[in-house]
Amino acid sequence: MNEDAHTATGDAGDIDLTPREFELLAALMKNAGKVVSREDLLRDAWGWEYLTETKTVDTHIKRLRDKISSAGYDSGLVETVRGYGYRFKK
């Protein structure tokens, strides 16, 4: 992931992400191996305090997983931690 260029690339090639998906992936990767709550993701990726439904995060995570999978990567890199949030596998 290149934050300056806003690109995500790996062995399987580029992942075409929207700016919001990029910020979400960056927030997860910065905390790889740790569980990140939906509220923390709203703050980190959106710059919001808890003012909206956290289902917004769930919807974007689904789209992010779909794009990760379409690019040839394991969508399981982004794990759901039931009742709390998400974790990016190390």
PDB file of N, CA and C in Angstrom:
ATOM      1  N   MET A   1       0.843  -1.166   0.000  1.00  0.00           N
ATOM      2  CA  MET A   1       0.000   0.000   0.000  1.00  0.00           C
ATOM      3  C   MET A   1       0.892   1.234   0.000  1.00  0.00           C
ATOM      4  N   ASN A   2       0.613   2.131  -0.912  1.00  0.00           N
ATOM      5  CA  ASN A   2       1.356   3.378  -1.000  1.00  0.00           C
ATOM      6  C   ASN A   2       0.392   4.515  -0.682  1.00  0.00           C
ATOM      7  N   GLU A   3       0.489   5.029   0.546  1.00  0.00           N
ATOM      8  CA  GLU A   3      -0.451   6.069   0.974  1.00  0.00           C
ATOM      9  C   GLU A   3      -0.260   7.374   0.222  1.00  0.00           C
ATOM     10  N   ASP A   4       0.968   7.705  -0.147  1.00  0.00           N
ATOM     11  CA  ASP A   4       1.210   8.952  -0.879  1.00  0.00           C
ATOM     12  C   ASP A   4       0.566   8.926  -2.263  1.00  0.00           C
ATOM     13  N   ALA A   5       0.628   7.780  -2.933  1.00  0.00           N
ATOM     14  CA  ALA A   5       0.071   7.653  -4.275  1.00  0.00           C
ATOM     15  C   ALA A   5      -1.385   7.160  -4.247  1.00  0.00           C
ATOM     16  N   HIS A   6      -1.866   6.790  -3.055  1.00  0.00           N
ATOM     17  CA  HIS A   6      -3.213   6.239  -2.895  1.00  0.00           C
ATOM     18  C   HIS A   6      -3.425   5.025  -3.800  1.00  0.00           C
ATOM     19  N   THR A   7      -2.466   4.089  -3.737  1.00  0.00           N
ATOM     20  CA  THR A   7      -2.570   2.858  -4.503  1.00  0.00           C
ATOM     21  C   THR A   7      -2.375   1.651  -3.594  1.00  0.00           C
ATOM     22  N   ALA A   8      -3.007   0.567  -3.964  1.00  0.00           N
ATOM     23  CA  ALA A   8      -2.837  -0.703  -3.270  1.00  0.00           C
ATOM     24  C   ALA A   8      -2.437  -1.740  -4.312  1.00  0.00           C
ATOM     25  N   THR A   9      -1.258  -2.311  -4.149  1.00  0.00           N
ATOM     26  CA  THR A   9      -0.708  -3.258  -5.104  1.00  0.00           C
ATOM     27  C   THR A   9      -0.038  -4.393  -4.353  1.00  0.00           C
ATOM     28  N   GLY A  10      -0.115  -5.584  -4.927  1.00  0.00           N
ATOM     29  CA  GLY A  10       0.564  -6.734  -4.348  1.00  0.00           C
ATOM     30  C   GLY A  10       0.979  -7.683  -5.446  1.00  0.00           C
ATOM     31  N   ASP A  11       1.337  -8.901  -5.053  1.00  0.00           N
ATOM     32  CA  ASP A  11       1.800  -9.898  -6.014  1.00  0.00           C
ATOM     33  C   ASP A  11       0.765 -10.204  -7.096  1.00  0.00           C
ATOM     34  N   ALA A  12      -0.518 -10.106  -6.750  1.00  0.00           N
ATOM     35  CA  ALA A  12      -1.579 -10.411  -7.712  1.00  0.00           C
ATOM     36  C   ALA A  12      -1.990  -9.186  -8.533  1.00  0.00           C
ATOM     37  N   GLY A  13      -1.359  -8.050  -8.301  1.00  0.00           N
ATOM     38  CA  GLY A  13      -1.658  -6.848  -9.071  1.00  0.00           C
ATOM     39  C   GLY A  13      -2.321  -5.754  -8.262  1.00  0.00           C
ATOM     40  N   ASP A  14      -2.823  -4.765  -8.976  1.00  0.00           N
ATOM     41  CA  ASP A  14      -3.451  -3.603  -8.349  1.00  0.00           C
ATOM     42  C   ASP A  14      -4.854  -3.932  -7.862  1.00  0.00           C
ATOM     43  N   ILE A  15      -5.270  -3.228  -6.816  1.00  0.00           N
ATOM     44  CA  ILE A  15      -6.642  -3.291  -6.333  1.00  0.00           C
ATOM     45  C   ILE A  15      -7.229  -1.910  -6.578  1.00  0.00           C
ATOM     46  N   ASP A  16      -8.272  -1.846  -7.389  1.00  0.00           N
ATOM     47  CA  ASP A  16      -8.907  -0.587  -7.744  1.00  0.00           C
ATOM     48  C   ASP A  16      -9.864  -0.169  -6.631  1.00  0.00           C
ATOM     49  N   LEU A  17      -9.463   0.796  -5.813  1.00  0.00           N
ATOM     50  CA  LEU A  17     -10.244   1.208  -4.648  1.00  0.00           C
ATOM     51  C   LEU A  17     -10.726   2.648  -4.776  1.00  0.00           C
ATOM     52  N   THR A  18     -11.913   2.896  -4.229  1.00  0.00           N
ATOM     53  CA  THR A  18     -12.389   4.276  -4.105  1.00  0.00           C
ATOM     54  C   THR A  18     -11.576   4.935  -2.982  1.00  0.00           C
ATOM     55  N   PRO A  19     -11.592   6.260  -2.900  1.00  0.00           N
ATOM     56  CA  PRO A  19     -10.877   6.908  -1.803  1.00  0.00           C
ATOM     57  C   PRO A  19     -11.310   6.404  -0.414  1.00  0.00           C
ATOM     58  N   ARG A  20     -12.599   6.181  -0.203  1.00  0.00           N
ATOM     59  CA  ARG A  20     -13.093   5.699   1.092  1.00  0.00           C
ATOM     60  C   ARG A  20     -12.612   4.280   1.368  1.00  0.00           C
ATOM     61  N   GLU A  21     -12.640   3.411   0.372  1.00  0.00           N
ATOM     62  CA  GLU A  21     -12.151   2.042   0.535  1.00  0.00           C
ATOM     63  C   GLU A  21     -10.657   2.042   0.835  1.00  0.00           C
ATOM     64  N   PHE A  22      -9.929   2.941   0.186  1.00  0.00           N
ATOM     65  CA  PHE A  22      -8.494   3.047   0.432  1.00  0.00           C
ATOM     66  C   PHE A  22      -8.248   3.427   1.887  1.00  0.00           C
ATOM     67  N   GLU A  23      -8.964   4.431   2.384  1.00  0.00           N
ATOM     68  CA  GLU A  23      -8.788   4.876   3.776  1.00  0.00           C
ATOM     69  C   GLU A  23      -9.162   3.775   4.756  1.00  0.00           C
ATOM     70  N   LEU A  24     -10.188   3.031   4.439  1.00  0.00           N
ATOM     71  CA  LEU A  24     -10.615   1.922   5.289  1.00  0.00           C
ATOM     72  C   LEU A  24      -9.540   0.842   5.338  1.00  0.00           C
ATOM     73  N   LEU A  25      -9.011   0.468   4.184  1.00  0.00           N
ATOM     74  CA  LEU A  25      -7.946  -0.527   4.131  1.00  0.00           C
ATOM     75  C   LEU A  25      -6.698  -0.023   4.856  1.00  0.00           C
ATOM     76  N   ALA A  26      -6.375   1.235   4.682  1.00  0.00           N
ATOM     77  CA  ALA A  26      -5.204   1.806   5.370  1.00  0.00           C
ATOM     78  C   ALA A  26      -5.376   1.735   6.880  1.00  0.00           C
ATOM     79  N   ALA A  27      -6.566   2.074   7.371  1.00  0.00           N
ATOM     80  CA  ALA A  27      -6.826   2.029   8.814  1.00  0.00           C
ATOM     81  C   ALA A  27      -6.692   0.603   9.342  1.00  0.00           C
ATOM     82  N   LEU A  28      -7.179  -0.367   8.579  1.00  0.00           N
ATOM     83  CA  LEU A  28      -7.057  -1.760   9.001  1.00  0.00           C
ATOM     84  C   LEU A  28      -5.619  -2.243   8.954  1.00  0.00           C
ATOM     85  N   MET A  29      -4.900  -1.889   7.879  1.00  0.00           N
ATOM     86  CA  MET A  29      -3.512  -2.349   7.738  1.00  0.00           C
ATOM     87  C   MET A  29      -2.591  -1.736   8.785  1.00  0.00           C
ATOM     88  N   LYS A  30      -2.851  -0.490   9.170  1.00  0.00           N
ATOM     89  CA  LYS A  30      -2.034   0.152  10.217  1.00  0.00           C
ATOM     90  C   LYS A  30      -2.165  -0.586  11.544  1.00  0.00           C
ATOM     91  N   ASN A  31      -3.280  -1.275  11.718  1.00  0.00           N
ATOM     92  CA  ASN A  31      -3.539  -2.017  12.948  1.00  0.00           C
ATOM     93  C   ASN A  31      -3.569  -3.518  12.692  1.00  0.00           C
ATOM     94  N   ALA A  32      -2.816  -3.976  11.699  1.00  0.00           N
ATOM     95  CA  ALA A  32      -2.819  -5.391  11.299  1.00  0.00           C
ATOM     96  C   ALA A  32      -2.654  -6.301  12.510  1.00  0.00           C
ATOM     97  N   GLY A  33      -3.538  -7.302  12.576  1.00  0.00           N
ATOM     98  CA  GLY A  33      -3.504  -8.255  13.671  1.00  0.00           C
ATOM     99  C   GLY A  33      -4.320  -7.831  14.873  1.00  0.00           C
ATOM    100  N   LYS A  34      -4.733  -6.570  14.913  1.00  0.00           N
ATOM    101  CA  LYS A  34      -5.530  -6.053  16.030  1.00  0.00           C
ATOM    102  C   LYS A  34      -6.967  -5.833  15.564  1.00  0.00           C
ATOM    103  N   VAL A  35      -7.895  -5.999  16.488  1.00  0.00           N
ATOM    104  CA  VAL A  35      -9.300  -5.750  16.174  1.00  0.00           C
ATOM    105  C   VAL A  35      -9.537  -4.246  16.207  1.00  0.00           C
ATOM    106  N   VAL A  36     -10.218  -3.752  15.164  1.00  0.00           N
ATOM    107  CA  VAL A  36     -10.559  -2.328  15.071  1.00  0.00           C
ATOM    108  C   VAL A  36     -12.082  -2.232  15.095  1.00  0.00           C
ATOM    109  N   SER A  37     -12.610  -1.463  16.032  1.00  0.00           N
ATOM    110  CA  SER A  37     -14.066  -1.347  16.147  1.00  0.00           C
ATOM    111  C   SER A  37     -14.636  -0.554  14.981  1.00  0.00           C
ATOM    112  N   ARG A  38     -15.916  -0.736  14.744  1.00  0.00           N
ATOM    113  CA  ARG A  38     -16.600   0.025  13.703  1.00  0.00           C
ATOM    114  C   ARG A  38     -16.497   1.521  13.984  1.00  0.00           C
ATOM    115  N   GLU A  39     -16.648   1.889  15.248  1.00  0.00           N
ATOM    116  CA  GLU A  39     -16.570   3.303  15.623  1.00  0.00           C
ATOM    117  C   GLU A  39     -15.189   3.883  15.314  1.00  0.00           C
ATOM    118  N   ASP A  40     -14.131   3.099  15.593  1.00  0.00           N
ATOM    119  CA  ASP A  40     -12.768   3.561  15.287  1.00  0.00           C
ATOM    120  C   ASP A  40     -12.565   3.685  13.780  1.00  0.00           C
ATOM    121  N   LEU A  41     -13.156   2.758  13.015  1.00  0.00           N
ATOM    122  CA  LEU A  41     -13.045   2.841  11.564  1.00  0.00           C
ATOM    123  C   LEU A  41     -13.784   4.065  11.028  1.00  0.00           C
ATOM    124  N   LEU A  42     -14.934   4.377  11.598  1.00  0.00           N
ATOM    125  CA  LEU A  42     -15.642   5.597  11.198  1.00  0.00           C
ATOM    126  C   LEU A  42     -14.766   6.826  11.426  1.00  0.00           C
ATOM    127  N   ARG A  43     -14.115   6.852  12.569  1.00  0.00           N
ATOM    128  CA  ARG A  43     -13.252   7.996  12.903  1.00  0.00           C
ATOM    129  C   ARG A  43     -12.013   8.033  12.015  1.00  0.00           C
ATOM    130  N   ASP A  44     -11.377   6.870  11.811  1.00  0.00           N
ATOM    131  CA  ASP A  44     -10.120   6.830  11.054  1.00  0.00           C
ATOM    132  C   ASP A  44     -10.317   6.990   9.547  1.00  0.00           C
ATOM    133  N   ALA A  45     -11.302   6.299   8.995  1.00  0.00           N
ATOM    134  CA  ALA A  45     -11.481   6.297   7.540  1.00  0.00           C
ATOM    135  C   ALA A  45     -12.407   7.405   7.049  1.00  0.00           C
ATOM    136  N   TRP A  46     -13.322   7.825   7.912  1.00  0.00           N
ATOM    137  CA  TRP A  46     -14.277   8.854   7.503  1.00  0.00           C
ATOM    138  C   TRP A  46     -14.018  10.195   8.181  1.00  0.00           C
ATOM    139  N   GLY A  47     -13.281  10.169   9.296  1.00  0.00           N
ATOM    140  CA  GLY A  47     -13.066  11.394  10.053  1.00  0.00           C
ATOM    141  C   GLY A  47     -14.296  11.784  10.858  1.00  0.00           C
ATOM    142  N   TRP A  48     -15.187  10.819  11.093  1.00  0.00           N
ATOM    143  CA  TRP A  48     -16.428  11.082  11.817  1.00  0.00           C
ATOM    144  C   TRP A  48     -16.326  10.578  13.232  1.00  0.00           C
ATOM    145  N   GLU A  49     -16.997  11.253  14.113  1.00  0.00           N
ATOM    146  CA  GLU A  49     -17.274  10.691  15.418  1.00  0.00           C
ATOM    147  C   GLU A  49     -18.514   9.828  15.238  1.00  0.00           C
ATOM    148  N   TYR A  50     -18.891   9.105  16.243  1.00  0.00           N
ATOM    149  CA  TYR A  50     -20.025   8.188  16.123  1.00  0.00           C
ATOM    150  C   TYR A  50     -21.325   8.980  15.975  1.00  0.00           C
ATOM    151  N   LEU A  51     -21.645   9.357  14.742  1.00  0.00           N
ATOM    152  CA  LEU A  51     -22.833  10.146  14.438  1.00  0.00           C
ATOM    153  C   LEU A  51     -23.786   9.431  13.505  1.00  0.00           C
ATOM    154  N   THR A  52     -23.413   8.281  13.039  1.00  0.00           N
ATOM    155  CA  THR A  52     -24.208   7.589  12.030  1.00  0.00           C
ATOM    156  C   THR A  52     -24.247   6.102  12.334  1.00  0.00           C
ATOM    157  N   GLU A  53     -25.006   5.386  11.567  1.00  0.00           N
ATOM    158  CA  GLU A  53     -25.083   3.942  11.698  1.00  0.00           C
ATOM    159  C   GLU A  53     -23.723   3.318  11.385  1.00  0.00           C
ATOM    160  N   THR A  54     -23.311   2.391  12.219  1.00  0.00           N
ATOM    161  CA  THR A  54     -22.046   1.706  11.937  1.00  0.00           C
ATOM    162  C   THR A  54     -22.216   0.697  10.804  1.00  0.00           C
ATOM    163  N   LYS A  55     -23.444   0.477  10.334  1.00  0.00           N
ATOM    164  CA  LYS A  55     -23.667  -0.408   9.186  1.00  0.00           C
ATOM    165  C   LYS A  55     -23.002   0.159   7.932  1.00  0.00           C
ATOM    166  N   THR A  56     -22.739   1.458   7.909  1.00  0.00           N
ATOM    167  CA  THR A  56     -21.990   2.075   6.816  1.00  0.00           C
ATOM    168  C   THR A  56     -20.650   1.369   6.662  1.00  0.00           C
ATOM    169  N   VAL A  57     -20.009   1.093   7.780  1.00  0.00           N
ATOM    170  CA  VAL A  57     -18.720   0.398   7.760  1.00  0.00           C
ATOM    171  C   VAL A  57     -18.900  -1.003   7.178  1.00  0.00           C
ATOM    172  N   ASP A  58     -19.935  -1.705   7.610  1.00  0.00           N
ATOM    173  CA  ASP A  58     -20.173  -3.068   7.126  1.00  0.00           C
ATOM    174  C   ASP A  58     -20.342  -3.100   5.608  1.00  0.00           C
ATOM    175  N   THR A  59     -21.092  -2.152   5.088  1.00  0.00           N
ATOM    176  CA  THR A  59     -21.321  -2.072   3.641  1.00  0.00           C
ATOM    177  C   THR A  59     -20.013  -1.839   2.896  1.00  0.00           C
ATOM    178  N   HIS A  60     -19.198  -0.925   3.385  1.00  0.00           N
ATOM    179  CA  HIS A  60     -17.917  -0.638   2.736  1.00  0.00           C
ATOM    180  C   HIS A  60     -16.941  -1.808   2.870  1.00  0.00           C
ATOM    181  N   ILE A  61     -16.980  -2.508   4.001  1.00  0.00           N
ATOM    182  CA  ILE A  61     -16.124  -3.693   4.178  1.00  0.00           C
ATOM    183  C   ILE A  61     -16.498  -4.756   3.141  1.00  0.00           C
ATOM    184  N   LYS A  62     -17.788  -4.961   2.921  1.00  0.00           N
ATOM    185  CA  LYS A  62     -18.215  -5.931   1.912  1.00  0.00           C
ATOM    186  C   LYS A  62     -17.674  -5.554   0.545  1.00  0.00           C
ATOM    187  N   ARG A  63     -17.791  -4.290   0.165  1.00  0.00           N
ATOM    188  CA  ARG A  63     -17.275  -3.840  -1.133  1.00  0.00           C
ATOM    189  C   ARG A  63     -15.757  -4.000  -1.209  1.00  0.00           C
ATOM    190  N   LEU A  64     -15.081  -3.680  -0.112  1.00  0.00           N
ATOM    191  CA  LEU A  64     -13.630  -3.830  -0.060  1.00  0.00           C
ATOM    192  C   LEU A  64     -13.237  -5.292  -0.248  1.00  0.00           C
ATOM    193  N   ARG A  65     -13.913  -6.196   0.444  1.00  0.00           N
ATOM    194  CA  ARG A  65     -13.628  -7.633   0.293  1.00  0.00           C
ATOM    195  C   ARG A  65     -13.867  -8.096  -1.142  1.00  0.00           C
ATOM    196  N   ASP A  66     -14.959  -7.616  -1.746  1.00  0.00           N
ATOM    197  CA  ASP A  66     -15.251  -7.984  -3.135  1.00  0.00           C
ATOM    198  C   ASP A  66     -14.126  -7.551  -4.067  1.00  0.00           C
ATOM    199  N   LYS A  67     -13.612  -6.342  -3.863  1.00  0.00           N
ATOM    200  CA  LYS A  67     -12.535  -5.836  -4.722  1.00  0.00           C
ATOM    201  C   LYS A  67     -11.233  -6.573  -4.465  1.00  0.00           C
ATOM    202  N   ILE A  68     -10.971  -6.898  -3.208  1.00  0.00           N
ATOM    203  CA  ILE A  68      -9.774  -7.676  -2.867  1.00  0.00           C
ATOM    204  C   ILE A  68      -9.838  -9.026  -3.573  1.00  0.00           C
ATOM    205  N   SER A  69     -11.006  -9.672  -3.513  1.00  0.00           N
ATOM    206  CA  SER A  69     -11.200 -10.969  -4.157  1.00  0.00           C
ATOM    207  C   SER A  69     -11.086 -10.863  -5.678  1.00  0.00           C
ATOM    208  N   SER A  70     -11.696  -9.836  -6.259  1.00  0.00           N
ATOM    209  CA  SER A  70     -11.646  -9.641  -7.714  1.00  0.00           C
ATOM    210  C   SER A  70     -10.225  -9.409  -8.212  1.00  0.00           C
ATOM    211  N   ALA A  71      -9.378  -8.860  -7.353  1.00  0.00           N
ATOM    212  CA  ALA A  71      -7.987  -8.608  -7.727  1.00  0.00           C
ATOM    213  C   ALA A  71      -7.116  -9.849  -7.532  1.00  0.00           C
ATOM    214  N   GLY A  72      -7.724 -10.960  -7.097  1.00  0.00           N
ATOM    215  CA  GLY A  72      -6.974 -12.202  -6.957  1.00  0.00           C
ATOM    216  C   GLY A  72      -6.422 -12.460  -5.573  1.00  0.00           C
ATOM    217  N   TYR A  73      -6.859 -11.703  -4.601  1.00  0.00           N
ATOM    218  CA  TYR A  73      -6.398 -11.881  -3.224  1.00  0.00           C
ATOM    219  C   TYR A  73      -7.481 -12.568  -2.411  1.00  0.00           C
ATOM    220  N   ASP A  74      -7.113 -13.096  -1.275  1.00  0.00           N
ATOM    221  CA  ASP A  74      -8.049 -13.747  -0.369  1.00  0.00           C
ATOM    222  C   ASP A  74      -8.867 -12.681   0.357  1.00  0.00           C
ATOM    223  N   SER A  75     -10.182 -12.684   0.148  1.00  0.00           N
ATOM    224  CA  SER A  75     -11.030 -11.696   0.813  1.00  0.00           C
ATOM    225  C   SER A  75     -11.024 -11.886   2.331  1.00  0.00           C
ATOM    226  N   GLY A  76     -10.574 -13.059   2.779  1.00  0.00           N
ATOM    227  CA  GLY A  76     -10.456 -13.336   4.202  1.00  0.00           C
ATOM    228  C   GLY A  76      -9.344 -12.562   4.886  1.00  0.00           C
ATOM    229  N   LEU A  77      -8.594 -11.769   4.121  1.00  0.00           N
ATOM    230  CA  LEU A  77      -7.584 -10.902   4.742  1.00  0.00           C
ATOM    231  C   LEU A  77      -8.240  -9.928   5.718  1.00  0.00           C
ATOM    232  N   VAL A  78      -9.498  -9.588   5.435  1.00  0.00           N
ATOM    233  CA  VAL A  78     -10.261  -8.720   6.337  1.00  0.00           C
ATOM    234  C   VAL A  78     -11.249  -9.623   7.068  1.00  0.00           C
ATOM    235  N   GLU A  79     -10.961  -9.858   8.345  1.00  0.00           N
ATOM    236  CA  GLU A  79     -11.781 -10.759   9.150  1.00  0.00           C
ATOM    237  C   GLU A  79     -12.821  -9.986   9.947  1.00  0.00           C
ATOM    238  N   THR A  80     -13.994 -10.572  10.111  1.00  0.00           N
ATOM    239  CA  THR A  80     -15.017 -10.011  10.984  1.00  0.00           C
ATOM    240  C   THR A  80     -14.792 -10.545  12.388  1.00  0.00           C
ATOM    241  N   VAL A  81     -14.798  -9.662  13.365  1.00  0.00           N
ATOM    242  CA  VAL A  81     -14.749 -10.062  14.761  1.00  0.00           C
ATOM    243  C   VAL A  81     -16.137  -9.751  15.312  1.00  0.00           C
ATOM    244  N   ARG A  82     -16.932 -10.767  15.364  1.00  0.00           N
ATOM    245  CA  ARG A  82     -18.353 -10.623  15.669  1.00  0.00           C
ATOM    246  C   ARG A  82     -18.603  -9.809  16.938  1.00  0.00           C
ATOM    247  N   GLY A  83     -19.486  -8.848  16.806  1.00  0.00           N
ATOM    248  CA  GLY A  83     -19.873  -8.013  17.923  1.00  0.00           C
ATOM    249  C   GLY A  83     -18.920  -6.877  18.245  1.00  0.00           C
ATOM    250  N   TYR A  84     -17.813  -6.790  17.478  1.00  0.00           N
ATOM    251  CA  TYR A  84     -16.856  -5.730  17.775  1.00  0.00           C
ATOM    252  C   TYR A  84     -16.417  -4.953  16.549  1.00  0.00           C
ATOM    253  N   GLY A  85     -15.856  -5.619  15.574  1.00  0.00           N
ATOM    254  CA  GLY A  85     -15.347  -4.888  14.409  1.00  0.00           C
ATOM    255  C   GLY A  85     -14.646  -5.805  13.426  1.00  0.00           C
ATOM    256  N   TYR A  86     -13.486  -5.358  12.981  1.00  0.00           N
ATOM    257  CA  TYR A  86     -12.753  -6.064  11.934  1.00  0.00           C
ATOM    258  C   TYR A  86     -11.267  -6.113  12.248  1.00  0.00           C
ATOM    259  N   ARG A  87     -10.598  -7.086  11.619  1.00  0.00           N
ATOM    260  CA  ARG A  87      -9.146  -7.239  11.798  1.00  0.00           C
ATOM    261  C   ARG A  87      -8.545  -7.574  10.440  1.00  0.00           C
ATOM    262  N   PHE A  88      -7.397  -6.961  10.127  1.00  0.00           N
ATOM    263  CA  PHE A  88      -6.630  -7.307   8.929  1.00  0.00           C
ATOM    264  C   PHE A  88      -5.600  -8.342   9.343  1.00  0.00           C
ATOM    265  N   LYS A  89      -5.607  -9.491   8.656  1.00  0.00           N
ATOM    266  CA  LYS A  89      -4.649 -10.558   8.973  1.00  0.00           C
ATOM    267  C   LYS A  89      -3.234 -10.083   8.713  1.00  0.00           C
ATOM    268  N   LYS A  90      -2.347 -10.467   9.596  1.00  0.00           N
ATOM    269  CA  LYS A  90      -0.928 -10.168   9.418  1.00  0.00           C
ATOM    270  C   LYS A  90      -0.342 -11.082   8.392  1.00  0.00           C
TER     271      LYS A  90
END
